[in-house]
Amino acid sequence: MLVNVSDTDYVKLYHGGPYLLWPREKNKIYWEITDLQGGVIHQDTTVGDMAGHMGFTHNVPLSDSMQVSAVILHDSIFDFMTGAVSQLACKTVDTLYWKPNEIIPGVFTYRWEFVGVPNQGISVMSAGSVADKELQVRVYPNPASSRLIIEPGTNEPKAISIYNVHGQLVYFEEHSVGNRELNIQDFATGTYVLMLDQTQYELFQVAR
């Protein structure tokens, strides 16, 4: 991620991910900006060709910092080399701070800038997800409204976890056995990542 525009109370961010993924109209980024105590400053969703651009206003003191979380989702990435189609859920997190720049001795300019941590995305799906697809987990209905049925396939998971697009754990269950029917009536509408033993993933939507 990069800072495109910076003012005391306005920041415009750029995420290069959507320009590497095809078809571009399938791109979707869920943004969340928080203060260092976890209070939400801004949330946004950007889609399509321009998904990598997002601006927001704020009233954070210049002596404080802000944390930016961006989760890019793409449910049907097309690989031109192999013709394969795959899913992506990648989370990038970095911190904005009011950075001084000494242009000449004793004269400073300032702008909001990323710390850089390094600025690399982390797969919400996990590195083992492709191989684990062979287990043939079934998650339905998708989209879902009030209940979600999980058929885990050949291997019984020891734990079921569900994360929202901000990487927050919203459901956890240990020692699950067989098919499971989960009550999701209290889930907000949107996209979620289902993890079985933190290795096998599925994306599902909650819609009403």
Protein backbone atom coordinates (compact mmCIF):
# COMPACT_ATOMS: atom_id res chain seq x y z
CA MET A 1 0.00 0.00 0.00
CA LEU A 2 1.03 3.60 -0.64
CA VAL A 3 -0.19 7.05 0.40
CA ASN A 4 -1.27 8.97 -2.72
CA VAL A 5 -2.61 12.15 -1.11
CA SER A 6 -1.95 13.40 2.39
CA ASP A 7 -3.33 16.34 4.36
CA THR A 8 -3.77 16.90 8.08
CA ASP A 9 -7.33 15.50 8.06
CA TYR A 10 -7.49 13.62 4.72
CA VAL A 11 -5.61 10.61 3.35
CA LYS A 12 -5.96 8.86 -0.01
CA LEU A 13 -4.49 5.36 -0.23
CA TYR A 14 -3.42 3.16 -3.12
CA HIS A 15 -3.34 -0.67 -3.20
CA GLY A 16 -1.64 -2.18 -6.25
CA GLY A 17 -3.24 -5.63 -5.89
CA PRO A 18 -6.30 -5.09 -8.13
CA TYR A 19 -4.08 -4.20 -11.10
CA LEU A 20 -2.42 -7.62 -10.99
CA LEU A 21 -5.63 -9.67 -10.91
CA TRP A 22 -7.92 -10.57 -13.80
CA PRO A 23 -10.75 -10.18 -14.50
CA ARG A 24 -10.44 -6.79 -12.78
CA GLU A 25 -14.17 -6.29 -12.37
CA LYS A 26 -14.13 -9.13 -9.81
CA ASN A 27 -11.82 -7.27 -7.43
CA LYS A 28 -13.14 -6.20 -4.04
CA ILE A 29 -11.24 -4.58 -1.16
CA TYR A 30 -12.60 -4.19 2.37
CA TRP A 31 -10.83 -1.33 4.15
CA GLU A 32 -10.76 -0.60 7.86
CA ILE A 33 -8.86 2.26 9.52
CA THR A 34 -8.61 2.23 13.30
CA ASP A 35 -6.80 4.16 16.00
CA LEU A 36 -4.21 2.32 18.09
CA GLN A 37 -6.87 1.52 20.72
CA GLY A 38 -8.95 -0.32 18.09
CA GLY A 39 -11.60 2.36 17.62
CA VAL A 40 -12.94 2.44 14.06
CA ILE A 41 -12.12 5.65 12.17
CA HIS A 42 -13.34 4.63 8.72
CA GLN A 43 -14.61 1.58 6.83
CA ASP A 44 -15.11 1.28 3.09
CA THR A 45 -15.51 -1.22 0.26
CA THR A 46 -14.05 -0.58 -3.19
CA VAL A 47 -14.71 -2.73 -6.25
CA GLY A 48 -13.66 -3.27 -9.85
CA ASP A 49 -10.93 -1.49 -11.80
CA MET A 50 -10.64 1.29 -9.23
CA ALA A 51 -10.70 -0.93 -6.14
CA GLY A 52 -7.14 0.08 -5.31
CA HIS A 53 -8.06 3.70 -4.57
CA MET A 54 -9.69 4.83 -1.31
CA GLY A 55 -9.74 8.16 0.53
CA PHE A 56 -11.04 9.13 3.95
CA THR A 57 -11.24 12.09 6.31
CA HIS A 58 -10.46 11.86 10.02
CA ASN A 59 -9.79 13.87 13.17
CA VAL A 60 -6.85 11.86 14.53
CA PRO A 61 -4.27 14.10 16.27
CA LEU A 62 -1.03 14.44 14.32
CA SER A 63 0.83 13.07 17.33
CA ASP A 64 -1.07 9.75 17.04
CA SER A 65 -1.06 6.97 14.44
CA MET A 66 -3.65 4.97 12.50
CA GLN A 67 -3.70 1.31 11.52
CA VAL A 68 -4.89 0.39 8.02
CA SER A 69 -6.24 -3.08 7.19
CA ALA A 70 -7.04 -3.93 3.57
CA VAL A 71 -8.48 -7.34 2.60
CA ILE A 72 -8.58 -7.94 -1.13
CA LEU A 73 -10.95 -10.66 -2.34
CA HIS A 74 -11.20 -12.19 -5.78
CA ASP A 75 -13.31 -15.30 -6.30
CA SER A 76 -12.19 -16.26 -9.84
CA ILE A 77 -8.66 -15.13 -10.72
CA PHE A 78 -7.72 -16.22 -14.24
CA ASP A 79 -4.14 -17.41 -14.83
CA PHE A 80 -3.26 -16.64 -18.46
CA MET A 81 -0.29 -19.05 -18.35
CA THR A 82 -2.19 -22.15 -17.23
CA GLY A 83 -5.85 -21.24 -17.75
CA ALA A 84 -6.55 -22.10 -14.11
CA VAL A 85 -9.13 -20.20 -12.03
CA SER A 86 -8.56 -19.70 -8.30
CA GLN A 87 -9.70 -17.68 -5.26
CA LEU A 88 -7.80 -15.07 -3.29
CA ALA A 89 -8.26 -13.51 0.15
CA CYS A 90 -5.19 -11.46 1.08
CA LYS A 91 -4.86 -9.14 4.07
CA THR A 92 -2.38 -6.26 4.29
CA VAL A 93 -1.88 -4.28 7.51
CA ASP A 94 0.32 -1.23 8.07
CA THR A 95 0.46 1.87 10.27
CA LEU A 96 0.12 5.51 9.20
CA TYR A 97 2.05 8.18 11.07
CA TRP A 98 2.68 11.91 10.59
CA LYS A 99 6.15 11.79 9.03
CA PRO A 100 8.52 14.78 9.09
CA ASN A 101 10.76 15.46 6.10
CA GLU A 102 13.63 17.96 6.49
CA ILE A 103 13.85 19.63 3.07
CA ILE A 104 16.63 21.98 4.17
CA PRO A 105 18.32 22.17 7.58
CA GLY A 106 15.75 23.26 10.13
CA VAL A 107 12.84 23.39 7.62
CA PHE A 108 10.36 20.50 7.69
CA THR A 109 7.37 19.35 5.69
CA TYR A 110 4.99 16.67 6.97
CA ARG A 111 2.68 14.03 5.52
CA TRP A 112 0.87 10.87 6.56
CA GLU A 113 3.05 7.92 5.59
CA PHE A 114 3.20 4.17 6.16
CA VAL A 115 5.69 2.74 8.62
CA GLY A 116 6.30 -0.21 6.26
CA VAL A 117 6.42 -3.51 8.18
CA PRO A 118 7.44 -4.79 5.46
CA ASN A 119 4.42 -3.99 3.34
CA GLN A 120 3.48 -7.50 2.22
CA GLY A 121 0.08 -9.17 2.18
CA ILE A 122 -0.77 -12.28 4.18
CA SER A 123 -3.10 -14.89 2.76
CA VAL A 124 -6.23 -15.17 4.88
CA MET A 125 -6.72 -18.56 3.28
CA SER A 126 -3.35 -20.05 4.34
CA ALA A 127 -0.55 -21.53 2.28
CA GLY A 128 -1.99 -25.05 2.42
CA SER A 129 -5.39 -24.20 1.07
CA VAL A 130 -4.84 -25.37 -2.53
CA ALA A 131 -3.76 -28.88 -1.57
CA ASP A 132 -6.50 -29.10 1.04
CA LYS A 133 -9.13 -28.47 -1.61
CA GLU A 134 -8.76 -32.18 -2.37
CA LEU A 135 -10.66 -32.84 0.87
CA GLN A 136 -13.79 -31.56 -0.93
CA VAL A 137 -15.37 -29.57 1.86
CA ARG A 138 -18.91 -28.40 1.08
CA VAL A 139 -20.32 -25.16 2.45
CA TYR A 140 -23.92 -24.27 1.61
CA PRO A 141 -26.17 -22.45 1.02
CA ASN A 142 -23.92 -19.75 -0.42
CA PRO A 143 -25.03 -16.98 -0.10
CA ALA A 144 -26.59 -17.84 3.25
CA SER A 145 -29.03 -15.90 5.43
CA SER A 146 -29.70 -17.68 8.72
CA ARG A 147 -27.88 -21.03 8.66
CA LEU A 148 -24.68 -22.44 7.18
CA ILE A 149 -24.15 -26.15 6.60
CA ILE A 150 -20.60 -27.54 6.59
CA GLU A 151 -19.77 -30.98 5.24
CA PRO A 152 -16.04 -31.42 5.99
CA GLY A 153 -15.29 -34.23 3.54
CA THR A 154 -12.79 -37.02 4.12
CA ASN A 155 -11.03 -35.62 7.20
CA GLU A 156 -12.82 -34.52 10.34
CA PRO A 157 -11.58 -31.07 11.47
CA LYS A 158 -10.63 -30.52 15.09
CA ALA A 159 -11.76 -26.89 14.93
CA ILE A 160 -13.96 -24.58 12.86
CA SER A 161 -13.16 -20.87 12.70
CA ILE A 162 -14.94 -18.07 10.82
CA TYR A 163 -13.31 -14.70 10.16
CA ASN A 164 -14.81 -11.55 8.72
CA VAL A 165 -12.97 -9.62 6.00
CA HIS A 166 -11.18 -7.52 8.62
CA GLY A 167 -9.50 -10.65 9.97
CA GLN A 168 -11.61 -10.68 13.15
CA LEU A 169 -12.65 -14.07 14.57
CA VAL A 170 -16.47 -14.16 14.72
CA TYR A 171 -17.03 -17.88 15.38
CA PHE A 172 -14.95 -20.70 16.85
CA GLU A 173 -15.80 -24.31 17.65
CA GLU A 174 -13.51 -27.12 18.79
CA HIS A 175 -13.91 -30.88 18.44
CA SER A 176 -16.56 -30.69 15.73
CA VAL A 177 -17.71 -34.05 14.38
CA GLY A 178 -19.54 -34.75 11.13
CA ASN A 179 -21.72 -32.31 9.27
CA ARG A 180 -22.42 -29.05 11.11
CA GLU A 181 -25.30 -26.58 10.85
CA LEU A 182 -24.29 -23.15 12.18
CA ASN A 183 -26.67 -20.40 13.24
CA ILE A 184 -25.50 -17.22 11.47
CA GLN A 185 -28.58 -15.05 12.00
CA ASP A 186 -26.50 -12.50 13.94
CA PHE A 187 -23.79 -12.23 11.27
CA ALA A 188 -23.68 -8.93 9.38
CA THR A 189 -24.10 -9.13 5.61
CA GLY A 190 -20.82 -9.53 3.73
CA THR A 191 -18.05 -12.00 2.94
CA TYR A 192 -16.54 -14.44 5.46
CA VAL A 193 -13.64 -16.88 5.48
CA LEU A 194 -14.29 -20.35 6.92
CA MET A 195 -11.20 -22.17 8.21
CA LEU A 196 -11.03 -25.87 9.10
CA ASP A 197 -8.06 -26.51 11.41
CA GLN A 198 -6.53 -23.26 10.09
CA THR A 199 -5.51 -24.98 6.85
CA GLN A 200 -8.57 -25.53 4.67
CA TYR A 201 -10.65 -22.55 3.64
CA GLU A 202 -13.90 -21.62 1.97
CA LEU A 203 -15.35 -18.18 1.23
CA PHE A 204 -19.05 -17.66 1.80
CA GLN A 205 -21.45 -14.74 1.67
CA VAL A 206 -24.12 -13.67 4.14
CA ALA A 207 -26.95 -11.91 2.33
CA ARG A 208 -30.49 -10.99 3.37
